[in-house]
Amino acid sequence: MIGFPILMYYLWICLWFYDGKLAYPTSSEDIKPFLARMWGHVAKDASPNAYAWKVYTGNFFFQLFLGLVMPGYPQEGLPVPSLGYKTLKYNCNALTSLYVTLTTAFVLHYFHIFRLTEIIDNFGHLMSVSMIYGFSVSAITYFWAVLTNNAIRMSGNFFYDYFMGAALNPRIGDVCLKMWAEVRIPWVLVFFMSVSGACKQYETYGYVTPNMAFMILATGLYINACAKGEECIPQTWDIYYEKWGFMVIFWNLSGVPFSYIYSVVYMASHDPSEYRFSTLGYIILYTTVLTAYYIWDTAMAQKSHFKMQTQGITTFRKTFPQLPWNTVPNPTFIQTEHGNRLLTSGFWAYSRKPNYIADWTMSLTWGACIGTATIIPYFYSIFFIVVLLHRCTRDFERCSKKYGKDWERYCEVVPYKYIPYVY
C-alpha cells in the first residue's frame, strides 16, 4: 500500500527529469541528497494542486453522474453465493457515457474552456490527487461495510481485510461502484492521456508521430471494447466473488491510469527523433496490436455469450464494432457434475486463456511503441504478466478443486494453457 505509490513517483521522475534512465544514488554519501532530490521533484511537480483537484474530481463525479442517468443495456449477473445465489441487475451504460464524455471533451477543448494538452503537462499533480482518491475511497468503503454489517469473508487481520476489501457489491443507486470504477475512471483517463500527449506533440512540432497515434488507437480500442462489452463484466469472477478493497480500488483510480501510460509520458517530453521507426517497424507494430485486439475482444465475447446462453439469454447486445466470430454457433463444451459448462469451442478450443495472452500482447506493444529508448514504458507488460500468471495459477487450482475429474478431462481436450501448440 505504500511501496507502489512510491514506485509510481519514482518511475515518473525518471521519465520526466532523467531522460527515461533509472536514477539512483552515486554513492553512500549521495543517498540522503538523492532522496532530497526525489522529494523535491514530488513537492514541486506532483503537488496535489487546485488544478489537479478540479480536473480529477470533475471527471470522477461526471462519470458517476453519467452512470446514474444515462440509458444502458440491462444485464443480470451471475448468482452470488454470499447473497444466497441471488442475481443482481446491472445497467450497462458505459458506452453511452463514453460517447457523452468524448463529445464533452471535444466541446471544452474546441472552445478553449479546457485544453486537453494540460492533462499531460500536469501528470504529476493529477497522479497525486488520484492516489488520495484511491486511499480515501478505500477507507470509506471499508469502514462503511464494517459499520453497516455488509462485510463478508473477513479474516480478522485488519491489514489483510483492508487490502482485499470488506464489501462485495457496494452501490450508489443502480450503480455498482466496483463495475463502474473498473471502466469509467482508469480507461477513460488512459485514453485522454494519449489524446493529451498527441495534442502536445501537435502544438510543439506541428504534427503527431505514428507512435503517439498508435497509443490513441490502442487506448481507444481498449476503452471502447470495455464500454461496448460492459454487459460481459457482471459475468466475471471479479464481480460476483472478488471484494472491493484497496487492491482493486487504488489500482483502478490511480495505478492503471498513471502507470500503464508511461510511453505517452516519454513521448510528450522527448523529441520524436529518439523513438522513430522504419515503415516496416510501424507496420509490424500496428498489425500486432490489431491482431491481438481481435483475438482478445472476440475471445472475451465468445466466453461471455456462452455464459449468457447457459442462462437462457440468446439475444446479445449490438454495439460498434461487432467483430466476426464473437459468438460460437453450436458451441461444444464439457458438462461438469458441478453443473457448470466448460467451453471448448472458438478460441477456447486452442487455449485455456486466449484472452490473457492477447491482452498481454497488447500491453507489450504499449511499451514497444517507443522501441528501446527506455525500459520504463515496459512496466505495464512486465507487471501485467506477473498478475496474469498469478491469476492463472489461482484459477486453475480453483477449477481443479471445484470440478475434479471433469477438469482433468477438460485439460485433455484443451491441453495448452496460453499459447496453442507451445505451452
Foldseek 3Di string as FASTA:
>chain_A
DPVVLVVLLQQLCCQQPVLQDRDDAPDPVRHVVVVVVSVVCLVPQQAQDPVLCCVLVVLVVLLVVCLVPPAADKAWFFQFVVVVGDIAIAGQQLQVSVVVVVVVVVVCCVVVVDNLLVCLSNLNNNLVVLQVVLVVVLVVQQVVCVVVVQFPPDPPDVVVCQAQHGHQFDDDVRDRVLLSLQQSAQLVLQLSLLVSLQVLCCVVPVHGDLLSVLSNVLSVLVSNLCRQVVSLVSHDCCRSPGHDHSNSSSCSRRVRSSQLQSVSSNSSNDDPVQQDDDPVVSVVLNVLLVVLSLQLSLVSLQVSCVVVVVVVDDDDDCDPPDDPNSHPPPWDWQQFPLGDTGTCDDVCVFAVCANLLSVLSSSCSSQCSRPVSHCRSNPRSVVSVVVVVVVLVVVLVVCCVRRPVSSVVSCVSHVHHYGGPPD
